[in-house]
Every structure is written in C-alpha cells, then in structure tokens.
C-alpha atoms as a PDB file:
ATOM      1  CA  UNK A   1      28.261  17.791  28.608  1.00  0.00           C
ATOM      2  CA  UNK A   2      31.183  15.943  29.827  1.00  0.00           C
ATOM      3  CA  UNK A   3      33.427  18.815  28.902  1.00  0.00           C
ATOM      4  CA  UNK A   4      31.222  21.237  30.906  1.00  0.00           C
ATOM      5  CA  UNK A   5      31.474  19.002  33.979  1.00  0.00           C
ATOM      6  CA  UNK A   6      35.244  18.702  33.489  1.00  0.00           C
ATOM      7  CA  UNK A   7      35.221  22.619  33.423  1.00  0.00           C
ATOM      8  CA  UNK A   8      33.411  22.853  36.706  1.00  0.00           C
ATOM      9  CA  UNK A   9      35.679  20.330  38.184  1.00  0.00           C
ATOM     10  CA  UNK A  10      38.699  22.269  37.223  1.00  0.00           C
ATOM     11  CA  UNK A  11      37.141  25.525  38.296  1.00  0.00           C
ATOM     12  CA  UNK A  12      36.188  23.900  41.706  1.00  0.00           C
ATOM     13  CA  UNK A  13      39.905  22.735  42.264  1.00  0.00           C
ATOM     14  CA  UNK A  14      41.261  26.057  40.999  1.00  0.00           C
ATOM     15  CA  UNK A  15      39.113  27.792  43.590  1.00  0.00           C
ATOM     16  CA  UNK A  16      40.153  25.232  46.177  1.00  0.00           C
ATOM     17  CA  UNK A  17      43.739  25.753  45.307  1.00  0.00           C
ATOM     18  CA  UNK A  18      43.384  29.444  45.466  1.00  0.00           C
ATOM     19  CA  UNK A  19      41.824  29.099  49.013  1.00  0.00           C
ATOM     20  CA  UNK A  20      44.385  26.808  50.096  1.00  0.00           C
ATOM     21  CA  UNK A  21      47.115  28.955  48.847  1.00  0.00           C
ATOM     22  CA  UNK A  22      45.475  31.946  50.499  1.00  0.00           C
ATOM     23  CA  UNK A  23      45.182  30.135  53.849  1.00  0.00           C
ATOM     24  CA  UNK A  24      48.731  28.935  53.453  1.00  0.00           C
ATOM     25  CA  UNK A  25      49.942  32.535  52.835  1.00  0.00           C
ATOM     26  CA  UNK A  26      47.955  33.754  55.888  1.00  0.00           C
ATOM     27  CA  UNK A  27      49.617  31.010  58.025  1.00  0.00           C
ATOM     28  CA  UNK A  28      53.085  31.972  56.778  1.00  0.00           C
ATOM     29  CA  UNK A  29      52.242  35.609  57.444  1.00  0.00           C
ATOM     30  CA  UNK A  30      51.180  34.723  61.052  1.00  0.00           C
ATOM     31  CA  UNK A  31      54.379  32.685  61.499  1.00  0.00           C
ATOM     32  CA  UNK A  32      56.467  35.491  60.351  1.00  0.00           C
ATOM     33  CA  UNK A  33      54.904  38.043  62.630  1.00  0.00           C
ATOM     34  CA  UNK A  34      56.419  38.259  66.153  1.00  0.00           C
ATOM     35  CA  UNK A  35      54.452  36.698  68.839  1.00  0.00           C
ATOM     36  CA  UNK A  36      53.767  39.209  71.557  1.00  0.00           C
ATOM     37  CA  UNK A  37      53.236  37.407  74.964  1.00  0.00           C
ATOM     38  CA  UNK A  38      51.042  39.434  77.446  1.00  0.00           C
ATOM     39  CA  UNK A  39      51.667  38.378  81.007  1.00  0.00           C
ATOM     40  CA  UNK A  40      48.612  38.691  83.168  1.00  0.00           C
ATOM     41  CA  UNK A  41      48.353  38.090  86.930  1.00  0.00           C
ATOM     42  CA  UNK A  42      47.060  34.708  87.545  1.00  0.00           C
ATOM     43  CA  UNK A  43      45.144  34.972  90.858  1.00  0.00           C
ATOM     44  CA  UNK A  44      46.336  38.376  92.234  1.00  0.00           C
ATOM     45  CA  UNK A  45      43.932  41.308  92.083  1.00  0.00           C
ATOM     46  CA  UNK A  46      45.080  44.443  90.244  1.00  0.00           C
ATOM     47  CA  UNK A  47      46.823  46.682  92.669  1.00  0.00           C
ATOM     48  CA  UNK A  48      47.220  50.356  91.730  1.00  0.00           C
ATOM     49  CA  UNK A  49      50.619  51.787  92.515  1.00  0.00           C
ATOM     50  CA  UNK A  50      50.676  53.980  95.594  1.00  0.00           C
ATOM     51  CA  UNK A  51      50.759  57.780  95.026  1.00  0.00           C
ATOM     52  CA  UNK A  52      53.804  59.533  96.466  1.00  0.00           C
ATOM     53  CA  UNK A  53      52.683  61.172  99.609  1.00  0.00           C
ATOM     54  CA  UNK A  54      53.313  64.701  99.725  1.00  0.00           C
ATOM     55  CA  UNK A  55      54.603  66.167 103.003  1.00  0.00           C
ATOM     56  CA  UNK A  56      51.875  67.891 104.935  1.00  0.00           C
ATOM     57  CA  UNK A  57      52.412  71.689 105.357  1.00  0.00           C
ATOM     58  CA  UNK A  58      52.014  72.856 108.954  1.00  0.00           C
ATOM     59  CA  UNK A  59      48.790  74.539 109.578  1.00  0.00           C
ATOM     60  CA  UNK A  60      49.195  77.980 110.807  1.00  0.00           C
ATOM     61  CA  UNK A  61      46.884  78.530 113.851  1.00  0.00           C
ATOM     62  CA  UNK A  62      46.023  82.161 114.381  1.00  0.00           C
ATOM     63  CA  UNK A  63      45.920  83.043 118.010  1.00  0.00           C
ATOM     64  CA  UNK A  64      42.687  84.407 119.317  1.00  0.00           C
ATOM     65  CA  UNK A  65      44.661  87.368 120.913  1.00  0.00           C
ATOM     66  CA  UNK A  66      47.662  89.126 119.753  1.00  0.00           C
ATOM     67  CA  UNK A  67      50.815  88.072 121.586  1.00  0.00           C
ATOM     68  CA  UNK A  68      53.064  90.561 123.185  1.00  0.00           C
ATOM     69  CA  UNK A  69      55.677  91.899 120.784  1.00  0.00           C
ATOM     70  CA  UNK A  70      58.954  93.687 121.339  1.00  0.00           C
ATOM     71  CA  UNK A  71      57.842  96.095 118.448  1.00  0.00           C
ATOM     72  CA  UNK A  72      55.748  97.806 121.170  1.00  0.00           C
ATOM     73  CA  UNK A  73      58.877  99.323 122.546  1.00  0.00           C
ATOM     74  CA  UNK A  74      59.245 101.388 119.301  1.00  0.00           C
ATOM     75  CA  UNK A  75      56.489 103.729 120.582  1.00  0.00           C
ATOM     76  CA  UNK A  76      57.768 106.397 123.010  1.00  0.00           C
ATOM     77  CA  UNK A  77      54.392 106.596 124.865  1.00  0.00           C
ATOM     78  CA  UNK A  78      54.356 102.975 125.415  1.00  0.00           C
ATOM     79  CA  UNK A  79      57.801 102.876 126.742  1.00  0.00           C
ATOM     80  CA  UNK A  80      57.001 105.738 129.259  1.00  0.00           C
ATOM     81  CA  UNK A  81      53.909 103.820 130.388  1.00  0.00           C
ATOM     82  CA  UNK A  82      56.076 100.736 131.114  1.00  0.00           C
ATOM     83  CA  UNK A  83      58.706 102.769 133.110  1.00  0.00           C
ATOM     84  CA  UNK A  84      55.906 104.362 135.109  1.00  0.00           C
ATOM     85  CA  UNK A  85      54.508 100.778 135.676  1.00  0.00           C
ATOM     86  CA  UNK A  86      57.639  99.438 137.437  1.00  0.00           C
ATOM     87  CA  UNK A  87      58.129 102.738 139.254  1.00  0.00           C
ATOM     88  CA  UNK A  88      54.646 102.546 140.853  1.00  0.00           C
ATOM     89  CA  UNK A  89      55.098  98.838 141.739  1.00  0.00           C
ATOM     90  CA  UNK A  90      58.540  99.303 143.234  1.00  0.00           C
ATOM     91  CA  UNK A  91      58.588  98.737 147.015  1.00  0.00           C
ATOM     92  CA  UNK A  92      62.076  97.617 147.676  1.00  0.00           C
ATOM     93  CA  UNK A  93      65.334  97.802 145.639  1.00  0.00           C
ATOM     94  CA  UNK A  94      68.885  96.460 145.983  1.00  0.00           C
ATOM     95  CA  UNK A  95      71.314  96.920 143.085  1.00  0.00           C
ATOM     96  CA  UNK A  96      75.013  97.143 142.505  1.00  0.00           C
ATOM     97  CA  UNK A  97      76.320 100.020 140.533  1.00  0.00           C
ATOM     98  CA  UNK A  98      79.564 101.105 138.852  1.00  0.00           C
ATOM     99  CA  UNK A  99      79.859 104.730 138.094  1.00  0.00           C
ATOM    100  CA  UNK A 100      82.393 106.648 135.988  1.00  0.00           C
ATOM    101  CA  UNK A 101      82.753 110.325 135.257  1.00  0.00           C
ATOM    102  CA  UNK A 102      84.917 111.915 132.592  1.00  0.00           C
ATOM    103  CA  UNK A 103      85.473 115.458 131.417  1.00  0.00           C
ATOM    104  CA  UNK A 104      86.080 116.224 127.733  1.00  0.00           C
ATOM    105  CA  UNK A 105      86.970 112.501 127.273  1.00  0.00           C
ATOM    106  CA  UNK A 106      89.293 112.369 130.182  1.00  0.00           C
ATOM    107  CA  UNK A 107      88.447 110.179 133.314  1.00  0.00           C
ATOM    108  CA  UNK A 108      88.279 111.938 136.525  1.00  0.00           C
ATOM    109  CA  UNK A 109      86.496 109.546 138.819  1.00  0.00           C
ATOM    110  CA  UNK A 110      85.338 105.975 139.237  1.00  0.00           C
ATOM    111  CA  UNK A 111      83.377 104.433 142.065  1.00  0.00           C
ATOM    112  CA  UNK A 112      81.212 101.223 142.848  1.00  0.00           C
ATOM    113  CA  UNK A 113      78.819 100.230 145.483  1.00  0.00           C
ATOM    114  CA  UNK A 114      75.510  99.017 146.505  1.00  0.00           C
ATOM    115  CA  UNK A 115      72.189 100.923 146.666  1.00  0.00           C
ATOM    116  CA  UNK A 116      69.227 100.001 148.860  1.00  0.00           C
ATOM    117  CA  UNK A 117      65.797 101.630 148.719  1.00  0.00           C
ATOM    118  CA  UNK A 118      62.630 101.222 150.813  1.00  0.00           C
ATOM    119  CA  UNK A 119      59.707 103.137 149.172  1.00  0.00           C
ATOM    120  CA  UNK A 120      57.171 103.086 152.041  1.00  0.00           C
ATOM    121  CA  UNK A 121      59.698 104.616 154.488  1.00  0.00           C
ATOM    122  CA  UNK A 122      61.218 106.762 151.719  1.00  0.00           C
ATOM    123  CA  UNK A 123      64.744 105.622 152.782  1.00  0.00           C
ATOM    124  CA  UNK A 124      67.825 105.173 150.658  1.00  0.00           C
ATOM    125  CA  UNK A 125      71.247 103.857 151.532  1.00  0.00           C
ATOM    126  CA  UNK A 126      74.285 104.016 149.465  1.00  0.00           C
ATOM    127  CA  UNK A 127      77.482 101.929 150.328  1.00  0.00           C
ATOM    128  CA  UNK A 128      80.543 103.057 148.502  1.00  0.00           C
ATOM    129  CA  UNK A 129      82.875  99.952 148.091  1.00  0.00           C
ATOM    130  CA  UNK A 130      86.545  99.623 147.682  1.00  0.00           C
ATOM    131  CA  UNK A 131      88.048  97.459 144.787  1.00  0.00           C
ATOM    132  CA  UNK A 132      88.209  94.566 147.359  1.00  0.00           C
ATOM    133  CA  UNK A 133      84.443  95.008 148.217  1.00  0.00           C
ATOM    134  CA  UNK A 134      84.924  96.587 151.559  1.00  0.00           C
ATOM    135  CA  UNK A 135      82.715  99.543 152.694  1.00  0.00           C
ATOM    136  CA  UNK A 136      84.535 102.744 152.424  1.00  0.00           C
ATOM    137  CA  UNK A 137      81.535 105.132 153.161  1.00  0.00           C
ATOM    138  CA  UNK A 138      77.848 104.853 153.702  1.00  0.00           C
ATOM    139  CA  UNK A 139      75.170 107.485 153.080  1.00  0.00           C
ATOM    140  CA  UNK A 140      71.685 106.984 154.503  1.00  0.00           C
ATOM    141  CA  UNK A 141      68.896 109.392 153.869  1.00  0.00           C
ATOM    142  CA  UNK A 142      65.065 109.868 154.211  1.00  0.00           C
ATOM    143  CA  UNK A 143      65.329 112.472 151.370  1.00  0.00           C
ATOM    144  CA  UNK A 144      65.191 115.236 153.992  1.00  0.00           C
ATOM    145  CA  UNK A 145      68.537 114.859 155.733  1.00  0.00           C
ATOM    146  CA  UNK A 146      71.444 112.578 155.011  1.00  0.00           C
ATOM    147  CA  UNK A 147      73.852 110.877 157.295  1.00  0.00           C
ATOM    148  CA  UNK A 148      77.415 110.190 156.182  1.00  0.00           C
ATOM    149  CA  UNK A 149      79.339 107.181 157.899  1.00  0.00           C
ATOM    150  CA  UNK A 150      82.827 106.076 157.455  1.00  0.00           C
ATOM    151  CA  UNK A 151      83.689 102.432 156.651  1.00  0.00           C
ATOM    152  CA  UNK A 152      83.347 101.451 160.317  1.00  0.00           C
ATOM    153  CA  UNK A 153      79.913 102.929 160.765  1.00  0.00           C
ATOM    154  CA  UNK A 154      81.098 106.116 162.651  1.00  0.00           C
ATOM    155  CA  UNK A 155      79.292 109.260 161.893  1.00  0.00           C
ATOM    156  CA  UNK A 156      81.170 111.731 159.744  1.00  0.00           C
ATOM    157  CA  UNK A 157      78.600 114.482 159.074  1.00  0.00           C
ATOM    158  CA  UNK A 158      75.001 115.224 158.475  1.00  0.00           C
ATOM    159  CA  UNK A 159      73.680 117.198 155.414  1.00  0.00           C
ATOM    160  CA  UNK A 160      70.381 118.235 154.083  1.00  0.00           C
ATOM    161  CA  UNK A 161      69.275 116.038 151.227  1.00  0.00           C
ATOM    162  CA  UNK A 162      68.928 118.865 148.687  1.00  0.00           C
ATOM    163  CA  UNK A 163      72.386 120.104 149.373  1.00  0.00           C
ATOM    164  CA  UNK A 164      73.925 116.716 149.034  1.00  0.00           C
ATOM    165  CA  UNK A 165      71.910 115.758 145.944  1.00  0.00           C
ATOM    166  CA  UNK A 166      72.853 118.922 144.024  1.00  0.00           C
ATOM    167  CA  UNK A 167      76.556 117.884 144.374  1.00  0.00           C
ATOM    168  CA  UNK A 168      75.885 114.579 142.737  1.00  0.00           C
ATOM    169  CA  UNK A 169      76.746 114.379 138.941  1.00  0.00           C
ATOM    170  CA  UNK A 170      74.184 111.663 138.312  1.00  0.00           C
ATOM    171  CA  UNK A 171      71.082 112.523 140.419  1.00  0.00           C
ATOM    172  CA  UNK A 172      68.844 110.112 138.551  1.00  0.00           C
ATOM    173  CA  UNK A 173      70.717 107.232 140.246  1.00  0.00           C
ATOM    174  CA  UNK A 174      68.925 108.282 143.450  1.00  0.00           C
ATOM    175  CA  UNK A 175      65.493 108.965 142.051  1.00  0.00           C
ATOM    176  CA  UNK A 176      64.084 105.412 142.242  1.00  0.00           C
ATOM    177  CA  UNK A 177      60.561 105.471 143.352  1.00  0.00           C
ATOM    178  CA  UNK A 178      60.213 108.831 141.785  1.00  0.00           C
ATOM    179  CA  UNK A 179      60.666 108.151 138.179  1.00  0.00           C
ATOM    180  CA  UNK A 180      57.100 109.092 137.245  1.00  0.00           C
ATOM    181  CA  UNK A 181      57.800 112.618 138.496  1.00  0.00           C
ATOM    182  CA  UNK A 182      61.252 112.497 136.844  1.00  0.00           C
ATOM    183  CA  UNK A 183      59.517 111.693 133.503  1.00  0.00           C
ATOM    184  CA  UNK A 184      56.968 114.647 134.035  1.00  0.00           C
ATOM    185  CA  UNK A 185      59.913 117.128 134.334  1.00  0.00           C
ATOM    186  CA  UNK A 186      61.527 116.078 131.074  1.00  0.00           C
ATOM    187  CA  UNK A 187      60.818 115.845 127.344  1.00  0.00           C
ATOM    188  CA  UNK A 188      61.253 112.218 126.253  1.00  0.00           C
ATOM    189  CA  UNK A 189      62.417 110.866 122.857  1.00  0.00           C
ATOM    190  CA  UNK A 190      62.915 107.334 122.097  1.00  0.00           C
ATOM    191  CA  UNK A 191      66.333 107.172 120.322  1.00  0.00           C
ATOM    192  CA  UNK A 192      66.385 103.270 120.017  1.00  0.00           C
ATOM    193  CA  UNK A 193      63.970 100.624 121.072  1.00  0.00           C
ATOM    194  CA  UNK A 194      65.279 100.554 124.710  1.00  0.00           C
ATOM    195  CA  UNK A 195      67.062 103.909 124.901  1.00  0.00           C
ATOM    196  CA  UNK A 196      65.168 106.903 126.279  1.00  0.00           C
ATOM    197  CA  UNK A 197      66.571 110.439 126.023  1.00  0.00           C
ATOM    198  CA  UNK A 198      65.370 112.993 128.397  1.00  0.00           C
ATOM    199  CA  UNK A 199      65.893 116.660 128.351  1.00  0.00           C
ATOM    200  CA  UNK A 200      64.684 119.048 131.017  1.00  0.00           C
ATOM    201  CA  UNK A 201      61.571 121.171 130.304  1.00  0.00           C
ATOM    202  CA  UNK A 202      63.133 124.052 132.200  1.00  0.00           C
ATOM    203  CA  UNK A 203      66.299 124.944 133.982  1.00  0.00           C
ATOM    204  CA  UNK A 204      69.897 124.210 132.838  1.00  0.00           C
ATOM    205  CA  UNK A 205      70.201 122.103 129.748  1.00  0.00           C
ATOM    206  CA  UNK A 206      71.471 118.591 129.904  1.00  0.00           C
ATOM    207  CA  UNK A 207      70.691 115.116 128.493  1.00  0.00           C
ATOM    208  CA  UNK A 208      69.774 112.086 130.480  1.00  0.00           C
ATOM    209  CA  UNK A 209      69.878 108.739 128.758  1.00  0.00           C
ATOM    210  CA  UNK A 210      68.109 105.708 130.248  1.00  0.00           C
ATOM    211  CA  UNK A 211      69.044 102.325 128.885  1.00  0.00           C
ATOM    212  CA  UNK A 212      66.029 100.023 129.678  1.00  0.00           C
ATOM    213  CA  UNK A 213      65.774  96.280 130.328  1.00  0.00           C
ATOM    214  CA  UNK A 214      64.065  94.339 127.592  1.00  0.00           C
ATOM    215  CA  UNK A 215      62.159  92.279 130.366  1.00  0.00           C
ATOM    216  CA  UNK A 216      60.465  95.036 132.267  1.00  0.00           C
ATOM    217  CA  UNK A 217      62.007  98.402 131.254  1.00  0.00           C
ATOM    218  CA  UNK A 218      63.899  98.825 134.338  1.00  0.00           C
ATOM    219  CA  UNK A 219      66.973 100.930 133.920  1.00  0.00           C
ATOM    220  CA  UNK A 220      70.236  99.143 133.371  1.00  0.00           C
ATOM    221  CA  UNK A 221      72.379 102.033 132.572  1.00  0.00           C
ATOM    222  CA  UNK A 222      71.953 105.787 133.520  1.00  0.00           C
ATOM    223  CA  UNK A 223      73.973 108.392 131.687  1.00  0.00           C
ATOM    224  CA  UNK A 224      73.914 112.150 132.044  1.00  0.00           C
ATOM    225  CA  UNK A 225      75.644 114.530 129.633  1.00  0.00           C
ATOM    226  CA  UNK A 226      76.146 118.186 130.665  1.00  0.00           C
ATOM    227  CA  UNK A 227      78.480 120.286 128.536  1.00  0.00           C
ATOM    228  CA  UNK A 228      81.672 118.295 128.503  1.00  0.00           C
ATOM    229  CA  UNK A 229      80.936 116.341 131.641  1.00  0.00           C
ATOM    230  CA  UNK A 230      79.636 112.758 131.179  1.00  0.00           C
ATOM    231  CA  UNK A 231      78.798 110.556 134.146  1.00  0.00           C
ATOM    232  CA  UNK A 232      77.554 106.981 133.562  1.00  0.00           C
ATOM    233  CA  UNK A 233      76.177 104.386 136.069  1.00  0.00           C
ATOM    234  CA  UNK A 234      75.704 100.710 135.120  1.00  0.00           C
ATOM    235  CA  UNK A 235      73.350  98.694 137.448  1.00  0.00           C
ATOM    236  CA  UNK A 236      73.915  95.092 137.882  1.00  0.00           C
ATOM    237  CA  UNK A 237      72.570  92.166 140.198  1.00  0.00           C
ATOM    238  CA  UNK A 238      69.329  94.204 140.568  1.00  0.00           C
ATOM    239  CA  UNK A 239      66.633  92.813 143.015  1.00  0.00           C
ATOM    240  CA  UNK A 240      63.269  94.400 142.918  1.00  0.00           C
ATOM    241  CA  UNK A 241      60.800  93.998 145.769  1.00  0.00           C
ATOM    242  CA  UNK A 242      62.961  91.605 147.746  1.00  0.00           C
ATOM    243  CA  UNK A 243      62.521  92.316 151.423  1.00  0.00           C
ATOM    244  CA  UNK A 244      65.629  94.094 152.682  1.00  0.00           C
ATOM    245  CA  UNK A 245      67.434  93.164 156.003  1.00  0.00           C
ATOM    246  CA  UNK A 246      65.886  94.691 159.231  1.00  0.00           C
ATOM    247  CA  UNK A 247      68.944  96.733 160.021  1.00  0.00           C
ATOM    248  CA  UNK A 248      69.651  98.012 156.496  1.00  0.00           C
ATOM    249  CA  UNK A 249      68.872 101.766 157.496  1.00  0.00           C
ATOM    250  CA  UNK A 250      69.637 101.576 161.268  1.00  0.00           C
ATOM    251  CA  UNK A 251      73.343 102.557 160.954  1.00  0.00           C
ATOM    252  CA  UNK A 252      74.215 105.474 163.231  1.00  0.00           C
ATOM    253  CA  UNK A 253      70.717 105.281 165.104  1.00  0.00           C
ATOM    254  CA  UNK A 254      69.440 108.351 163.042  1.00  0.00           C
ATOM    255  CA  UNK A 255      66.827 106.359 160.996  1.00  0.00           C
ATOM    256  CA  UNK A 256      64.762 103.831 162.876  1.00  0.00           C
END
C-alpha cells in the first residue's frame, strides 16, 4: 500500500514537473518572440484620409440657337444674299480708293482718290487726288450726265454718263447701290470664302473679282481682268451710311 502511495506521489510530481516545464517553455517562447507594439490613438477619433480631388471638367453648355459661323460664307448663295443685303441698306457711302492698271504685266496707270455716293439722290462724286492729297479733278454725276471739274472747281466738260462709264476700265467701282443688278447680270462662283468671281451672262467676256469684308461682305477690293488688261481698286477708310456734307454734290452748280 505504501509503495502504491509513493508511486502516486511520484506520478503527481512528475506530472507537475511536466506541467511546469511546459509552462516554462511557453514563457521562454513568449520571451523569444518579438513584441509588436500597436499604437492606437488615445482620444482622437479615426479620421479617414482625404481623397484627392479630381479637377472638375468644364461643363459644355449647348446654346439654344446655333451661333453665326464663318462657315456660312462657303456657300455661294449665302454670300450673294449678304452682298444684296448691304446693297439694299446702303444710303450713303464715302470711301478712299487706290486703282492700278497694267497690260500684260506692265503697269500703265495709277490713281487714287475719294468716292462719295448718295443713293436717294442717285448722285456720285469722284475726286482724283495727287500724291500730296490735293484734288486734281472732280467728276460729279446723276448717272445721266457727268460734270468734269478741274482741281479748282472750274468746269472742264460735260459728258453723258454712259459715254463716260464705258471709258472706265473698272466700271464696278461706280456701281454702288446697284450691286443687286450687277449680280443679276453675271454668273457667280465663290472661289474662296470671301472671293466672288463674276463673269457676264452675255456680251464681251471678262472676269470680275470681288474681295469681300469678313464683317459685312462689303467689297474691299475690286479687280477686273479682260484679256491682258488688269485693273484693280483697293477700298480703304470706308464709311457706310454716314451723312455726307451738304455741299458734296453742289460743285459747279449743276446738281442741287
């Protein structure tokens, strides 16, 4: 019996020893493992990082009506309509011009001056100026007869409008107020967005080029080509529908 009890005691201490060794080994393993310290905020609430803001793309706002576009000028019929519009609205005109003529590439004449036009009275005045800007000659007409004056305003001669106009190499320079009729007499081709090419529907052949303003389709350059003769007039300082001086057409007393 005593031997049995001793065996129990030995077994108990053996088990205890094993448990102790096992616990000691676990403590050693825990000591050998690295300690990971996790820092946690003490009192601050968790704040999520801000997302990077993407730049806002501009929102395209579609207009309710289609805006005017220069592409409209690519259509010949639209260009012709615009030319007729300013022609019908034109009441007064004052413009400077520089005109050159050449034959087979050789310059033969050059002139400059100022043109005045009153549509209601159907009166036109052309002052030819010297290089210094002095009036060398004046022509005033009601498109029936034309009065030619010298630089001092003295009458030189009187001619019929048709006779005088036929002697002009660039008749379109004097057709303001009648461009609707001018277009009706010609076939029109749009060579470039603002360059209109006109050829007569009947009569002697020639080619008339009208370079038009991008703002209102008013001519800025008028060129006529007939065989080897080329005459070109450049218009500058153009004033449309600005009231003209009272005595603009009273020189010589013929037109009142």
